[in-house]
Amino acid sequence: MPKSRLALLLLIGAAALAGCGPGSDSPTSGKKPSYRSIHEHPGQEETSLHITVGDCAKLAAAVAKQVGQPLRHRAEPTPPNSRCEAQGGGVHVSISLDAAYAARQRYSNRIDEQVQFNAADPAKVPQAVPGVGDKGAYNHYASWIPAYSTLWAVRGNRWLTVVYSVAGETRPLRLTAATALARRAFRLTAR
C-alpha cells in the first residue's frame, strides 16, 4: 500500500475517533454531562424555581398596598427566567428571577461591570443592602443601584432583580419598598 494512501486512511480513522465524543456524556446518551466547563462549581445548577402566576398576584398586591392604588399585573412564569410586572398611574415595578445555570456568577459579573463602568458616578455604583441576599461579608449579595432604582440580590443560585419606579417617590423610599418585595419574592420562590 502506498504511503500516501496509508496516511489518508490513518487520518480518516483519527477523525472518526475524534468525532465519537466523551462516551456516556454525549448528548445522544440521554445523560447530562458531568460538567459544562472548567469554571462550573457545585450549586450553580439550573433550577425549576420561578415566580408563578399566583406569586405574581401576591407581589402585585404588595406593590398596590405600598403605593396605595390598584395596579395591573402580568406574569411570565416560565422557568428558569420568570418575571412579574405591576403597573399603573405612574407606577412600574418589575420583579425578575433568574434561576438558570450559573445565575450567581452572572450576578457577580454584573456587579463587577457596574462598578467598572460607573465608578465616577456614585448613584450608579452598587450599594450593599443587608438582610436580602445570602449572608456574606459586607452584605455583597444584595445591591441597590440608586440611579436605576434597581435592587439585585442573590440567594443560592437565584438572582432576583427588582426595578422599582414610582413617580414622585424618593430613592430611599424606593429602596425600602424594593427590599421588602425582594424578601417576599425570595420566600415565595423558595419551594
C-alpha atoms as a PDB file:
ATOM      1  CA  MET A   1       0.000   0.000   0.000  1.00  0.00           C
ATOM      2  CA  PRO A   2       1.420   3.405  -0.942  1.00  0.00           C
ATOM      3  CA  LYS A   3       2.435   5.688   1.935  1.00  0.00           C
ATOM      4  CA  SER A   4       0.051   8.460   0.861  1.00  0.00           C
ATOM      5  CA  ARG A   5      -2.910   6.055   0.892  1.00  0.00           C
ATOM      6  CA  LEU A   6      -1.918   4.707   4.348  1.00  0.00           C
ATOM      7  CA  ALA A   7      -1.575   8.253   5.677  1.00  0.00           C
ATOM      8  CA  LEU A   8      -5.018   9.117   4.291  1.00  0.00           C
ATOM      9  CA  LEU A   9      -6.597   6.054   5.969  1.00  0.00           C
ATOM     10  CA  LEU A  10      -4.933   6.890   9.291  1.00  0.00           C
ATOM     11  CA  LEU A  11      -6.151  10.478   9.049  1.00  0.00           C
ATOM     12  CA  ILE A  12      -9.735   9.340   8.320  1.00  0.00           C
ATOM     13  CA  GLY A  13      -9.591   6.877  11.236  1.00  0.00           C
ATOM     14  CA  ALA A  14      -8.294   9.546  13.619  1.00  0.00           C
ATOM     15  CA  ALA A  15     -11.036  11.960  12.536  1.00  0.00           C
ATOM     16  CA  ALA A  16     -13.692   9.299  13.070  1.00  0.00           C
ATOM     17  CA  LEU A  17     -12.440   8.554  16.588  1.00  0.00           C
ATOM     18  CA  ALA A  18     -12.257  12.243  17.475  1.00  0.00           C
ATOM     19  CA  GLY A  19     -15.900  12.694  16.484  1.00  0.00           C
ATOM     20  CA  CYS A  20     -17.093   9.981  18.866  1.00  0.00           C
ATOM     21  CA  GLY A  21     -17.179  12.338  21.853  1.00  0.00           C
ATOM     22  CA  PRO A  22     -16.748  11.549  25.522  1.00  0.00           C
ATOM     23  CA  GLY A  23     -18.816   8.365  25.636  1.00  0.00           C
ATOM     24  CA  SER A  24     -21.666   8.372  28.181  1.00  0.00           C
ATOM     25  CA  ASP A  25     -21.699  12.173  28.398  1.00  0.00           C
ATOM     26  CA  SER A  26     -22.652  12.595  24.750  1.00  0.00           C
ATOM     27  CA  PRO A  27     -25.959  14.373  24.100  1.00  0.00           C
ATOM     28  CA  THR A  28     -27.447  11.272  22.481  1.00  0.00           C
ATOM     29  CA  SER A  29     -26.910   9.070  25.535  1.00  0.00           C
ATOM     30  CA  GLY A  30     -29.761  10.735  27.453  1.00  0.00           C
ATOM     31  CA  LYS A  31     -27.484  11.566  30.388  1.00  0.00           C
ATOM     32  CA  LYS A  32     -26.464  15.076  31.331  1.00  0.00           C
ATOM     33  CA  PRO A  33     -22.755  15.813  31.069  1.00  0.00           C
ATOM     34  CA  SER A  34     -20.916  15.587  34.372  1.00  0.00           C
ATOM     35  CA  TYR A  35     -19.543  19.099  33.783  1.00  0.00           C
ATOM     36  CA  ARG A  36     -20.092  22.001  31.400  1.00  0.00           C
ATOM     37  CA  SER A  37     -16.867  23.919  31.782  1.00  0.00           C
ATOM     38  CA  ILE A  38     -13.798  24.183  33.951  1.00  0.00           C
ATOM     39  CA  HIS A  39     -15.472  27.111  35.729  1.00  0.00           C
ATOM     40  CA  GLU A  40     -18.511  25.166  36.943  1.00  0.00           C
ATOM     41  CA  HIS A  41     -18.971  24.885  40.677  1.00  0.00           C
ATOM     42  CA  PRO A  42     -21.464  22.811  42.672  1.00  0.00           C
ATOM     43  CA  GLY A  43     -24.644  24.718  43.464  1.00  0.00           C
ATOM     44  CA  GLN A  44     -24.765  26.565  40.137  1.00  0.00           C
ATOM     45  CA  GLU A  45     -27.171  24.139  38.520  1.00  0.00           C
ATOM     46  CA  GLU A  46     -30.330  25.420  36.865  1.00  0.00           C
ATOM     47  CA  THR A  47     -33.437  25.004  38.984  1.00  0.00           C
ATOM     48  CA  SER A  48     -37.140  24.922  38.211  1.00  0.00           C
ATOM     49  CA  LEU A  49     -37.827  27.635  40.815  1.00  0.00           C
ATOM     50  CA  HIS A  50     -39.796  30.527  39.355  1.00  0.00           C
ATOM     51  CA  ILE A  51     -42.311  33.286  40.013  1.00  0.00           C
ATOM     52  CA  THR A  52     -45.686  31.625  39.467  1.00  0.00           C
ATOM     53  CA  VAL A  53     -48.875  33.376  38.362  1.00  0.00           C
ATOM     54  CA  GLY A  54     -50.075  33.184  41.986  1.00  0.00           C
ATOM     55  CA  ASP A  55     -46.765  34.584  43.267  1.00  0.00           C
ATOM     56  CA  CYS A  56     -47.108  37.479  40.841  1.00  0.00           C
ATOM     57  CA  ALA A  57     -50.627  38.237  42.098  1.00  0.00           C
ATOM     58  CA  LYS A  58     -49.315  38.337  45.687  1.00  0.00           C
ATOM     59  CA  LEU A  59     -46.345  40.530  44.754  1.00  0.00           C
ATOM     60  CA  ALA A  60     -48.562  42.901  42.746  1.00  0.00           C
ATOM     61  CA  ALA A  61     -50.952  43.168  45.713  1.00  0.00           C
ATOM     62  CA  ALA A  62     -47.993  44.061  47.939  1.00  0.00           C
ATOM     63  CA  VAL A  63     -46.929  46.793  45.485  1.00  0.00           C
ATOM     64  CA  ALA A  64     -50.516  48.107  45.297  1.00  0.00           C
ATOM     65  CA  LYS A  65     -50.586  48.319  49.093  1.00  0.00           C
ATOM     66  CA  GLN A  66     -47.210  50.126  49.128  1.00  0.00           C
ATOM     67  CA  VAL A  67     -48.323  52.768  46.611  1.00  0.00           C
ATOM     68  CA  GLY A  68     -51.948  52.990  47.745  1.00  0.00           C
ATOM     69  CA  GLN A  69     -53.606  52.350  44.402  1.00  0.00           C
ATOM     70  CA  PRO A  70     -54.845  49.412  42.316  1.00  0.00           C
ATOM     71  CA  LEU A  71     -52.427  48.114  39.671  1.00  0.00           C
ATOM     72  CA  ARG A  72     -52.487  45.840  36.657  1.00  0.00           C
ATOM     73  CA  HIS A  73     -50.101  42.919  36.761  1.00  0.00           C
ATOM     74  CA  ARG A  74     -48.701  40.441  34.296  1.00  0.00           C
ATOM     75  CA  ALA A  75     -46.726  37.255  34.928  1.00  0.00           C
ATOM     76  CA  GLU A  76     -44.228  35.420  32.765  1.00  0.00           C
ATOM     77  CA  PRO A  77     -43.903  32.258  34.902  1.00  0.00           C
ATOM     78  CA  THR A  78     -41.632  30.164  32.695  1.00  0.00           C
ATOM     79  CA  PRO A  79     -38.510  28.850  34.466  1.00  0.00           C
ATOM     80  CA  PRO A  80     -35.620  29.383  34.633  1.00  0.00           C
ATOM     81  CA  ASN A  81     -36.243  33.086  33.858  1.00  0.00           C
ATOM     82  CA  SER A  82     -39.571  34.280  35.204  1.00  0.00           C
ATOM     83  CA  ARG A  83     -40.977  37.729  35.770  1.00  0.00           C
ATOM     84  CA  CYS A  84     -43.801  39.706  37.321  1.00  0.00           C
ATOM     85  CA  GLU A  85     -44.749  43.270  36.411  1.00  0.00           C
ATOM     86  CA  ALA A  86     -47.143  45.592  38.228  1.00  0.00           C
ATOM     87  CA  GLN A  87     -48.050  48.956  36.759  1.00  0.00           C
ATOM     88  CA  GLY A  88     -50.498  51.812  36.569  1.00  0.00           C
ATOM     89  CA  GLY A  89     -50.717  55.522  37.384  1.00  0.00           C
ATOM     90  CA  GLY A  90     -47.007  56.409  37.473  1.00  0.00           C
ATOM     91  CA  VAL A  91     -46.002  53.016  38.896  1.00  0.00           C
ATOM     92  CA  HIS A  92     -43.912  50.404  37.120  1.00  0.00           C
ATOM     93  CA  VAL A  93     -42.425  47.594  39.176  1.00  0.00           C
ATOM     94  CA  SER A  94     -40.705  44.606  37.639  1.00  0.00           C
ATOM     95  CA  ILE A  95     -39.522  41.567  39.595  1.00  0.00           C
ATOM     96  CA  SER A  96     -37.405  39.074  37.659  1.00  0.00           C
ATOM     97  CA  LEU A  97     -35.992  35.762  38.841  1.00  0.00           C
ATOM     98  CA  ASP A  98     -33.038  34.127  37.094  1.00  0.00           C
ATOM     99  CA  ALA A  99     -32.646  30.513  38.245  1.00  0.00           C
ATOM    100  CA  ALA A 100     -30.708  29.329  35.192  1.00  0.00           C
ATOM    101  CA  TYR A 101     -27.290  27.708  35.256  1.00  0.00           C
ATOM    102  CA  ALA A 102     -24.680  29.966  36.946  1.00  0.00           C
ATOM    103  CA  ALA A 103     -27.125  32.742  37.910  1.00  0.00           C
ATOM    104  CA  ARG A 104     -24.952  33.518  40.922  1.00  0.00           C
ATOM    105  CA  GLN A 105     -21.915  34.010  38.672  1.00  0.00           C
ATOM    106  CA  ARG A 106     -23.914  36.313  36.370  1.00  0.00           C
ATOM    107  CA  TYR A 107     -24.883  38.381  39.420  1.00  0.00           C
ATOM    108  CA  SER A 108     -21.223  38.728  40.447  1.00  0.00           C
ATOM    109  CA  ASN A 109     -20.189  39.626  36.902  1.00  0.00           C
ATOM    110  CA  ARG A 110     -22.928  42.256  36.664  1.00  0.00           C
ATOM    111  CA  ILE A 111     -21.867  43.854  39.954  1.00  0.00           C
ATOM    112  CA  ASP A 112     -18.233  43.971  38.773  1.00  0.00           C
ATOM    113  CA  GLU A 113     -19.250  45.544  35.458  1.00  0.00           C
ATOM    114  CA  GLN A 114     -21.450  48.104  37.200  1.00  0.00           C
ATOM    115  CA  VAL A 115     -18.523  49.202  39.349  1.00  0.00           C
ATOM    116  CA  GLN A 116     -16.012  49.224  36.472  1.00  0.00           C
ATOM    117  CA  PHE A 117     -18.133  51.287  34.111  1.00  0.00           C
ATOM    118  CA  ASN A 118     -19.735  53.660  36.621  1.00  0.00           C
ATOM    119  CA  ALA A 119     -17.113  54.321  39.305  1.00  0.00           C
ATOM    120  CA  ALA A 120     -17.245  58.065  38.600  1.00  0.00           C
ATOM    121  CA  ASP A 121     -20.979  58.294  39.370  1.00  0.00           C
ATOM    122  CA  PRO A 122     -21.851  57.250  42.957  1.00  0.00           C
ATOM    123  CA  ALA A 123     -25.556  56.951  42.067  1.00  0.00           C
ATOM    124  CA  LYS A 124     -24.683  54.158  39.617  1.00  0.00           C
ATOM    125  CA  VAL A 125     -22.350  52.224  41.913  1.00  0.00           C
ATOM    126  CA  PRO A 126     -23.868  49.239  43.763  1.00  0.00           C
ATOM    127  CA  GLN A 127     -24.632  49.901  47.417  1.00  0.00           C
ATOM    128  CA  ALA A 128     -24.820  46.922  49.799  1.00  0.00           C
ATOM    129  CA  VAL A 129     -28.255  46.089  51.219  1.00  0.00           C
ATOM    130  CA  PRO A 130     -28.306  43.978  54.403  1.00  0.00           C
ATOM    131  CA  GLY A 131     -30.777  41.183  55.038  1.00  0.00           C
ATOM    132  CA  VAL A 132     -31.899  40.481  51.477  1.00  0.00           C
ATOM    133  CA  GLY A 133     -29.385  38.190  49.775  1.00  0.00           C
ATOM    134  CA  ASP A 134     -27.245  35.404  51.164  1.00  0.00           C
ATOM    135  CA  LYS A 135     -25.220  36.263  54.248  1.00  0.00           C
ATOM    136  CA  GLY A 136     -21.724  37.371  53.373  1.00  0.00           C
ATOM    137  CA  ALA A 137     -19.030  39.820  54.269  1.00  0.00           C
ATOM    138  CA  TYR A 138     -20.063  43.410  53.581  1.00  0.00           C
ATOM    139  CA  ASN A 139     -23.582  42.276  52.545  1.00  0.00           C
ATOM    140  CA  HIS A 140     -22.309  41.931  48.993  1.00  0.00           C
ATOM    141  CA  TYR A 141     -25.078  39.514  47.926  1.00  0.00           C
ATOM    142  CA  ALA A 142     -27.651  42.300  47.624  1.00  0.00           C
ATOM    143  CA  SER A 143     -27.010  45.635  45.929  1.00  0.00           C
ATOM    144  CA  TRP A 144     -29.046  48.768  45.243  1.00  0.00           C
ATOM    145  CA  ILE A 145     -28.305  50.947  42.218  1.00  0.00           C
ATOM    146  CA  PRO A 146     -29.913  54.304  43.142  1.00  0.00           C
ATOM    147  CA  ALA A 147     -29.747  55.874  39.673  1.00  0.00           C
ATOM    148  CA  TYR A 148     -31.788  52.989  38.240  1.00  0.00           C
ATOM    149  CA  SER A 149     -33.983  52.298  41.296  1.00  0.00           C
ATOM    150  CA  THR A 150     -32.894  48.693  40.933  1.00  0.00           C
ATOM    151  CA  LEU A 151     -32.147  46.063  43.552  1.00  0.00           C
ATOM    152  CA  TRP A 152     -30.103  42.974  42.656  1.00  0.00           C
ATOM    153  CA  ALA A 153     -29.878  40.125  45.139  1.00  0.00           C
ATOM    154  CA  VAL A 154     -28.754  36.524  45.086  1.00  0.00           C
ATOM    155  CA  ARG A 155     -29.651  33.556  47.278  1.00  0.00           C
ATOM    156  CA  GLY A 156     -28.183  30.213  46.347  1.00  0.00           C
ATOM    157  CA  ASN A 157     -28.464  30.067  42.579  1.00  0.00           C
ATOM    158  CA  ARG A 158     -31.374  32.517  42.332  1.00  0.00           C
ATOM    159  CA  TRP A 159     -30.697  36.033  41.115  1.00  0.00           C
ATOM    160  CA  LEU A 160     -33.579  38.389  41.781  1.00  0.00           C
ATOM    161  CA  THR A 161     -33.887  41.823  40.178  1.00  0.00           C
ATOM    162  CA  VAL A 162     -36.426  44.355  41.421  1.00  0.00           C
ATOM    163  CA  VAL A 163     -36.857  47.536  39.383  1.00  0.00           C
ATOM    164  CA  TYR A 164     -38.997  49.928  41.409  1.00  0.00           C
ATOM    165  CA  SER A 165     -40.211  53.053  39.624  1.00  0.00           C
ATOM    166  CA  VAL A 166     -42.864  55.179  41.303  1.00  0.00           C
ATOM    167  CA  ALA A 167     -43.343  58.766  40.156  1.00  0.00           C
ATOM    168  CA  GLY A 168     -42.560  61.299  42.869  1.00  0.00           C
ATOM    169  CA  GLU A 169     -41.190  58.790  45.377  1.00  0.00           C
ATOM    170  CA  THR A 170     -37.707  59.373  46.797  1.00  0.00           C
ATOM    171  CA  ARG A 171     -34.869  56.923  46.242  1.00  0.00           C
ATOM    172  CA  PRO A 172     -34.697  55.907  49.932  1.00  0.00           C
ATOM    173  CA  LEU A 173     -38.421  55.060  49.896  1.00  0.00           C
ATOM    174  CA  ARG A 174     -37.964  53.119  46.656  1.00  0.00           C
ATOM    175  CA  LEU A 175     -35.126  51.156  48.256  1.00  0.00           C
ATOM    176  CA  THR A 176     -37.243  50.310  51.302  1.00  0.00           C
ATOM    177  CA  ALA A 177     -40.127  49.135  49.124  1.00  0.00           C
ATOM    178  CA  ALA A 178     -37.883  47.156  46.731  1.00  0.00           C
ATOM    179  CA  THR A 179     -36.166  45.478  49.687  1.00  0.00           C
ATOM    180  CA  ALA A 180     -39.495  44.325  51.138  1.00  0.00           C
ATOM    181  CA  LEU A 181     -40.565  42.968  47.737  1.00  0.00           C
ATOM    182  CA  ALA A 182     -37.281  41.137  47.229  1.00  0.00           C
ATOM    183  CA  ARG A 183     -37.542  39.412  50.602  1.00  0.00           C
ATOM    184  CA  ARG A 184     -41.114  38.387  49.822  1.00  0.00           C
ATOM    185  CA  ALA A 185     -40.209  37.161  46.326  1.00  0.00           C
ATOM    186  CA  PHE A 186     -37.370  35.033  47.708  1.00  0.00           C
ATOM    187  CA  ARG A 187     -39.749  33.467  50.241  1.00  0.00           C
ATOM    188  CA  LEU A 188     -42.422  32.792  47.600  1.00  0.00           C
ATOM    189  CA  THR A 189     -39.990  31.209  45.134  1.00  0.00           C
ATOM    190  CA  ALA A 190     -38.112  29.021  47.626  1.00  0.00           C
ATOM    191  CA  ARG A 191     -40.256  25.914  47.047  1.00  0.00           C
END
